[in-house]
Amino acid sequence: MKRSASLPKCARMLTVEVVAEHLDVSPKSVRRWVANGALVAHRMGRLVRVSPDDLRSFLNKQRT
């Protein structure tokens, strides 16, 4: 079975720093949103990653 060189789209996760840059806020703000449950994040050991779908959902909730 041959492995694909690129990861599937669903596997591309965003770092806290990338989310912060995209939203023009500090990484500390993003970590605060994750800590209080406003932004869903996935923890892998010490790493924290946000899926693009979870970020979209978070942004949609902020509109209302």
PDB file of N, CA and C in Angstrom:
ATOM      1  N   MET A   1       0.832  -1.176   0.000  1.00  0.00           N
ATOM      2  CA  MET A   1       0.000   0.000   0.000  1.00  0.00           C
ATOM      3  C   MET A   1       0.882   1.246   0.000  1.00  0.00           C
ATOM      4  N   LYS A   2       0.667   2.128  -0.929  1.00  0.00           N
ATOM      5  CA  LYS A   2       1.472   3.332  -1.053  1.00  0.00           C
ATOM      6  C   LYS A   2       0.916   4.453  -0.175  1.00  0.00           C
ATOM      7  N   ARG A   3       1.794   5.125   0.553  1.00  0.00           N
ATOM      8  CA  ARG A   3       1.379   6.233   1.410  1.00  0.00           C
ATOM      9  C   ARG A   3       1.402   7.532   0.633  1.00  0.00           C
ATOM     10  N   SER A   4       0.431   8.367   0.906  1.00  0.00           N
ATOM     11  CA  SER A   4       0.370   9.684   0.281  1.00  0.00           C
ATOM     12  C   SER A   4       1.407  10.597   0.928  1.00  0.00           C
ATOM     13  N   ALA A   5       2.038  11.442   0.135  1.00  0.00           N
ATOM     14  CA  ALA A   5       3.059  12.354   0.649  1.00  0.00           C
ATOM     15  C   ALA A   5       2.444  13.470   1.487  1.00  0.00           C
ATOM     16  N   SER A   6       1.199  13.843   1.202  1.00  0.00           N
ATOM     17  CA  SER A   6       0.570  14.922   1.970  1.00  0.00           C
ATOM     18  C   SER A   6      -0.478  14.350   2.907  1.00  0.00           C
ATOM     19  N   LEU A   7      -0.715  15.065   3.971  1.00  0.00           N
ATOM     20  CA  LEU A   7      -1.721  14.648   4.938  1.00  0.00           C
ATOM     21  C   LEU A   7      -3.107  14.995   4.423  1.00  0.00           C
ATOM     22  N   PRO A   8      -4.121  14.256   4.855  1.00  0.00           N
ATOM     23  CA  PRO A   8      -5.480  14.623   4.469  1.00  0.00           C
ATOM     24  C   PRO A   8      -5.837  15.986   5.038  1.00  0.00           C
ATOM     25  N   LYS A   9      -6.751  16.667   4.389  1.00  0.00           N
ATOM     26  CA  LYS A   9      -7.113  18.020   4.795  1.00  0.00           C
ATOM     27  C   LYS A   9      -7.526  18.088   6.259  1.00  0.00           C
ATOM     28  N   CYS A  10      -8.237  17.089   6.740  1.00  0.00           N
ATOM     29  CA  CYS A  10      -8.713  17.113   8.121  1.00  0.00           C
ATOM     30  C   CYS A  10      -7.567  17.024   9.127  1.00  0.00           C
ATOM     31  N   ALA A  11      -6.391  16.574   8.714  1.00  0.00           N
ATOM     32  CA  ALA A  11      -5.271  16.408   9.639  1.00  0.00           C
ATOM     33  C   ALA A  11      -4.429  17.669   9.779  1.00  0.00           C
ATOM     34  N   ARG A  12      -4.703  18.686   9.010  1.00  0.00           N
ATOM     35  CA  ARG A  12      -3.914  19.914   9.100  1.00  0.00           C
ATOM     36  C   ARG A  12      -4.436  20.762  10.249  1.00  0.00           C
ATOM     37  N   MET A  13      -3.678  20.797  11.306  1.00  0.00           N
ATOM     38  CA  MET A  13      -4.074  21.515  12.506  1.00  0.00           C
ATOM     39  C   MET A  13      -3.281  22.806  12.623  1.00  0.00           C
ATOM     40  N   LEU A  14      -3.875  23.794  13.264  1.00  0.00           N
ATOM     41  CA  LEU A  14      -3.258  25.106  13.412  1.00  0.00           C
ATOM     42  C   LEU A  14      -2.648  25.248  14.807  1.00  0.00           C
ATOM     43  N   THR A  15      -1.502  25.880  14.876  1.00  0.00           N
ATOM     44  CA  THR A  15      -0.884  26.156  16.173  1.00  0.00           C
ATOM     45  C   THR A  15      -1.570  27.364  16.806  1.00  0.00           C
ATOM     46  N   VAL A  16      -1.353  27.525  18.089  1.00  0.00           N
ATOM     47  CA  VAL A  16      -1.889  28.688  18.806  1.00  0.00           C
ATOM     48  C   VAL A  16      -1.365  29.965  18.168  1.00  0.00           C
ATOM     49  N   GLU A  17      -0.102  29.959  17.796  1.00  0.00           N
ATOM     50  CA  GLU A  17       0.504  31.152  17.208  1.00  0.00           C
ATOM     51  C   GLU A  17      -0.120  31.502  15.859  1.00  0.00           C
ATOM     52  N   VAL A  18      -0.407  30.489  15.037  1.00  0.00           N
ATOM     53  CA  VAL A  18      -1.026  30.732  13.729  1.00  0.00           C
ATOM     54  C   VAL A  18      -2.442  31.270  13.907  1.00  0.00           C
ATOM     55  N   VAL A  19      -3.196  30.704  14.846  1.00  0.00           N
ATOM     56  CA  VAL A  19      -4.551  31.202  15.120  1.00  0.00           C
ATOM     57  C   VAL A  19      -4.479  32.653  15.587  1.00  0.00           C
ATOM     58  N   ALA A  20      -3.558  32.940  16.485  1.00  0.00           N
ATOM     59  CA  ALA A  20      -3.414  34.300  16.996  1.00  0.00           C
ATOM     60  C   ALA A  20      -3.074  35.278  15.875  1.00  0.00           C
ATOM     61  N   GLU A  21      -2.176  34.899  15.011  1.00  0.00           N
ATOM     62  CA  GLU A  21      -1.795  35.761  13.890  1.00  0.00           C
ATOM     63  C   GLU A  21      -2.981  35.979  12.945  1.00  0.00           C
ATOM     64  N   HIS A  22      -3.718  34.925  12.676  1.00  0.00           N
ATOM     65  CA  HIS A  22      -4.872  35.010  11.777  1.00  0.00           C
ATOM     66  C   HIS A  22      -5.936  35.958  12.336  1.00  0.00           C
ATOM     67  N   LEU A  23      -6.126  35.937  13.662  1.00  0.00           N
ATOM     68  CA  LEU A  23      -7.152  36.771  14.290  1.00  0.00           C
ATOM     69  C   LEU A  23      -6.615  38.112  14.775  1.00  0.00           C
ATOM     70  N   ASP A  24      -5.322  38.333  14.617  1.00  0.00           N
ATOM     71  CA  ASP A  24      -4.662  39.566  15.055  1.00  0.00           C
ATOM     72  C   ASP A  24      -4.842  39.797  16.555  1.00  0.00           C
ATOM     73  N   VAL A  25      -4.599  38.735  17.322  1.00  0.00           N
ATOM     74  CA  VAL A  25      -4.620  38.795  18.781  1.00  0.00           C
ATOM     75  C   VAL A  25      -3.344  38.135  19.290  1.00  0.00           C
ATOM     76  N   SER A  26      -3.143  38.186  20.585  1.00  0.00           N
ATOM     77  CA  SER A  26      -1.950  37.555  21.150  1.00  0.00           C
ATOM     78  C   SER A  26      -2.191  36.055  21.358  1.00  0.00           C
ATOM     79  N   PRO A  27      -1.120  35.270  21.336  1.00  0.00           N
ATOM     80  CA  PRO A  27      -1.261  33.840  21.646  1.00  0.00           C
ATOM     81  C   PRO A  27      -1.867  33.611  23.034  1.00  0.00           C
ATOM     82  N   LYS A  28      -1.620  34.531  23.953  1.00  0.00           N
ATOM     83  CA  LYS A  28      -2.188  34.419  25.298  1.00  0.00           C
ATOM     84  C   LYS A  28      -3.715  34.462  25.246  1.00  0.00           C
ATOM     85  N   SER A  29      -4.280  35.289  24.381  1.00  0.00           N
ATOM     86  CA  SER A  29      -5.738  35.349  24.227  1.00  0.00           C
ATOM     87  C   SER A  29      -6.279  34.022  23.712  1.00  0.00           C
ATOM     88  N   VAL A  30      -5.601  33.444  22.732  1.00  0.00           N
ATOM     89  CA  VAL A  30      -6.034  32.163  22.176  1.00  0.00           C
ATOM     90  C   VAL A  30      -5.977  31.092  23.255  1.00  0.00           C
ATOM     91  N   ARG A  31      -4.914  31.069  24.039  1.00  0.00           N
ATOM     92  CA  ARG A  31      -4.799  30.082  25.118  1.00  0.00           C
ATOM     93  C   ARG A  31      -5.897  30.277  26.165  1.00  0.00           C
ATOM     94  N   ARG A  32      -6.271  31.520  26.426  1.00  0.00           N
ATOM     95  CA  ARG A  32      -7.341  31.814  27.374  1.00  0.00           C
ATOM     96  C   ARG A  32      -8.678  31.271  26.852  1.00  0.00           C
ATOM     97  N   TRP A  33      -8.950  31.461  25.553  1.00  0.00           N
ATOM     98  CA  TRP A  33     -10.183  30.936  24.950  1.00  0.00           C
ATOM     99  C   TRP A  33     -10.227  29.413  25.036  1.00  0.00           C
ATOM    100  N   VAL A  34      -9.067  28.783  24.832  1.00  0.00           N
ATOM    101  CA  VAL A  34      -8.993  27.324  24.927  1.00  0.00           C
ATOM    102  C   VAL A  34      -9.233  26.893  26.374  1.00  0.00           C
ATOM    103  N   ALA A  35      -8.618  27.591  27.317  1.00  0.00           N
ATOM    104  CA  ALA A  35      -8.734  27.229  28.730  1.00  0.00           C
ATOM    105  C   ALA A  35     -10.167  27.358  29.240  1.00  0.00           C
ATOM    106  N   ASN A  36     -10.896  28.383  28.772  1.00  0.00           N
ATOM    107  CA  ASN A  36     -12.264  28.549  29.268  1.00  0.00           C
ATOM    108  C   ASN A  36     -13.300  27.814  28.418  1.00  0.00           C
ATOM    109  N   GLY A  37     -12.838  27.071  27.404  1.00  0.00           N
ATOM    110  CA  GLY A  37     -13.730  26.244  26.610  1.00  0.00           C
ATOM    111  C   GLY A  37     -14.409  26.935  25.450  1.00  0.00           C
ATOM    112  N   ALA A  38     -14.109  28.191  25.220  1.00  0.00           N
ATOM    113  CA  ALA A  38     -14.735  28.921  24.112  1.00  0.00           C
ATOM    114  C   ALA A  38     -14.222  28.427  22.765  1.00  0.00           C
ATOM    115  N   LEU A  39     -12.967  28.039  22.706  1.00  0.00           N
ATOM    116  CA  LEU A  39     -12.342  27.549  21.476  1.00  0.00           C
ATOM    117  C   LEU A  39     -11.899  26.104  21.707  1.00  0.00           C
ATOM    118  N   VAL A  40     -12.431  25.204  20.902  1.00  0.00           N
ATOM    119  CA  VAL A  40     -12.075  23.780  21.036  1.00  0.00           C
ATOM    120  C   VAL A  40     -10.664  23.570  20.502  1.00  0.00           C
ATOM    121  N   ALA A  41      -9.855  22.881  21.285  1.00  0.00           N
ATOM    122  CA  ALA A  41      -8.480  22.582  20.880  1.00  0.00           C
ATOM    123  C   ALA A  41      -8.180  21.128  21.198  1.00  0.00           C
ATOM    124  N   HIS A  42      -7.182  20.613  20.545  1.00  0.00           N
ATOM    125  CA  HIS A  42      -6.752  19.234  20.736  1.00  0.00           C
ATOM    126  C   HIS A  42      -5.359  19.262  21.345  1.00  0.00           C
ATOM    127  N   ARG A  43      -5.187  18.551  22.432  1.00  0.00           N
ATOM    128  CA  ARG A  43      -3.892  18.504  23.112  1.00  0.00           C
ATOM    129  C   ARG A  43      -3.199  17.190  22.773  1.00  0.00           C
ATOM    130  N   MET A  44      -1.954  17.316  22.362  1.00  0.00           N
ATOM    131  CA  MET A  44      -1.122  16.153  22.065  1.00  0.00           C
ATOM    132  C   MET A  44       0.155  16.323  22.872  1.00  0.00           C
ATOM    133  N   GLY A  45       0.127  15.769  24.078  1.00  0.00           N
ATOM    134  CA  GLY A  45       1.225  16.026  24.992  1.00  0.00           C
ATOM    135  C   GLY A  45       1.190  17.489  25.396  1.00  0.00           C
ATOM    136  N   ARG A  46       2.280  18.192  25.157  1.00  0.00           N
ATOM    137  CA  ARG A  46       2.332  19.617  25.480  1.00  0.00           C
ATOM    138  C   ARG A  46       1.866  20.501  24.329  1.00  0.00           C
ATOM    139  N   LEU A  47       1.630  19.886  23.170  1.00  0.00           N
ATOM    140  CA  LEU A  47       1.204  20.643  22.002  1.00  0.00           C
ATOM    141  C   LEU A  47      -0.292  20.923  22.053  1.00  0.00           C
ATOM    142  N   VAL A  48      -0.676  22.101  21.615  1.00  0.00           N
ATOM    143  CA  VAL A  48      -2.082  22.476  21.507  1.00  0.00           C
ATOM    144  C   VAL A  48      -2.330  22.845  20.059  1.00  0.00           C
ATOM    145  N   ARG A  49      -3.332  22.202  19.456  1.00  0.00           N
ATOM    146  CA  ARG A  49      -3.654  22.462  18.056  1.00  0.00           C
ATOM    147  C   ARG A  49      -5.147  22.710  17.908  1.00  0.00           C
ATOM    148  N   VAL A  50      -5.497  23.552  16.944  1.00  0.00           N
ATOM    149  CA  VAL A  50      -6.887  23.890  16.662  1.00  0.00           C
ATOM    150  C   VAL A  50      -7.178  23.485  15.224  1.00  0.00           C
ATOM    151  N   SER A  51      -8.287  22.806  15.021  1.00  0.00           N
ATOM    152  CA  SER A  51      -8.656  22.434  13.652  1.00  0.00           C
ATOM    153  C   SER A  51      -9.295  23.646  12.971  1.00  0.00           C
ATOM    154  N   PRO A  52      -9.144  23.753  11.663  1.00  0.00           N
ATOM    155  CA  PRO A  52      -9.782  24.853  10.936  1.00  0.00           C
ATOM    156  C   PRO A  52     -11.303  24.879  11.138  1.00  0.00           C
ATOM    157  N   ASP A  53     -11.930  23.711  11.231  1.00  0.00           N
ATOM    158  CA  ASP A  53     -13.381  23.655  11.454  1.00  0.00           C
ATOM    159  C   ASP A  53     -13.752  24.207  12.827  1.00  0.00           C
ATOM    160  N   ASP A  54     -12.958  23.885  13.844  1.00  0.00           N
ATOM    161  CA  ASP A  54     -13.224  24.408  15.185  1.00  0.00           C
ATOM    162  C   ASP A  54     -13.017  25.919  15.235  1.00  0.00           C
ATOM    163  N   LEU A  55     -12.040  26.420  14.501  1.00  0.00           N
ATOM    164  CA  LEU A  55     -11.818  27.865  14.447  1.00  0.00           C
ATOM    165  C   LEU A  55     -13.005  28.553  13.768  1.00  0.00           C
ATOM    166  N   ARG A  56     -13.497  27.982  12.650  1.00  0.00           N
ATOM    167  CA  ARG A  56     -14.670  28.536  11.969  1.00  0.00           C
ATOM    168  C   ARG A  56     -15.882  28.565  12.894  1.00  0.00           C
ATOM    169  N   SER A  57     -16.082  27.485  13.623  1.00  0.00           N
ATOM    170  CA  SER A  57     -17.199  27.404  14.559  1.00  0.00           C
ATOM    171  C   SER A  57     -17.088  28.475  15.641  1.00  0.00           C
ATOM    172  N   PHE A  58     -15.890  28.648  16.173  1.00  0.00           N
ATOM    173  CA  PHE A  58     -15.644  29.677  17.185  1.00  0.00           C
ATOM    174  C   PHE A  58     -15.972  31.061  16.633  1.00  0.00           C
ATOM    175  N   LEU A  59     -15.519  31.353  15.427  1.00  0.00           N
ATOM    176  CA  LEU A  59     -15.771  32.664  14.822  1.00  0.00           C
ATOM    177  C   LEU A  59     -17.261  32.885  14.574  1.00  0.00           C
ATOM    178  N   ASN A  60     -17.963  31.854  14.133  1.00  0.00           N
ATOM    179  CA  ASN A  60     -19.402  31.975  13.904  1.00  0.00           C
ATOM    180  C   ASN A  60     -20.158  32.260  15.210  1.00  0.00           C
ATOM    181  N   LYS A  61     -19.731  31.643  16.304  1.00  0.00           N
ATOM    182  CA  LYS A  61     -20.363  31.882  17.601  1.00  0.00           C
ATOM    183  C   LYS A  61     -20.131  33.312  18.081  1.00  0.00           C
ATOM    184  N   GLN A  62     -19.001  33.896  17.694  1.00  0.00           N
ATOM    185  CA  GLN A  62     -18.669  35.254  18.149  1.00  0.00           C
ATOM    186  C   GLN A  62     -19.517  36.311  17.433  1.00  0.00           C
ATOM    187  N   ARG A  63     -20.091  35.958  16.293  1.00  0.00           N
ATOM    188  CA  ARG A  63     -20.915  36.903  15.539  1.00  0.00           C
ATOM    189  C   ARG A  63     -22.236  37.209  16.215  1.00  0.00           C
ATOM    190  N   THR A  64     -22.764  36.233  16.942  1.00  0.00           N
ATOM    191  CA  THR A  64     -24.085  36.412  17.535  1.00  0.00           C
ATOM    192  C   THR A  64     -24.036  37.112  18.850  1.00  0.00           C
TER     193      THR A  64
END
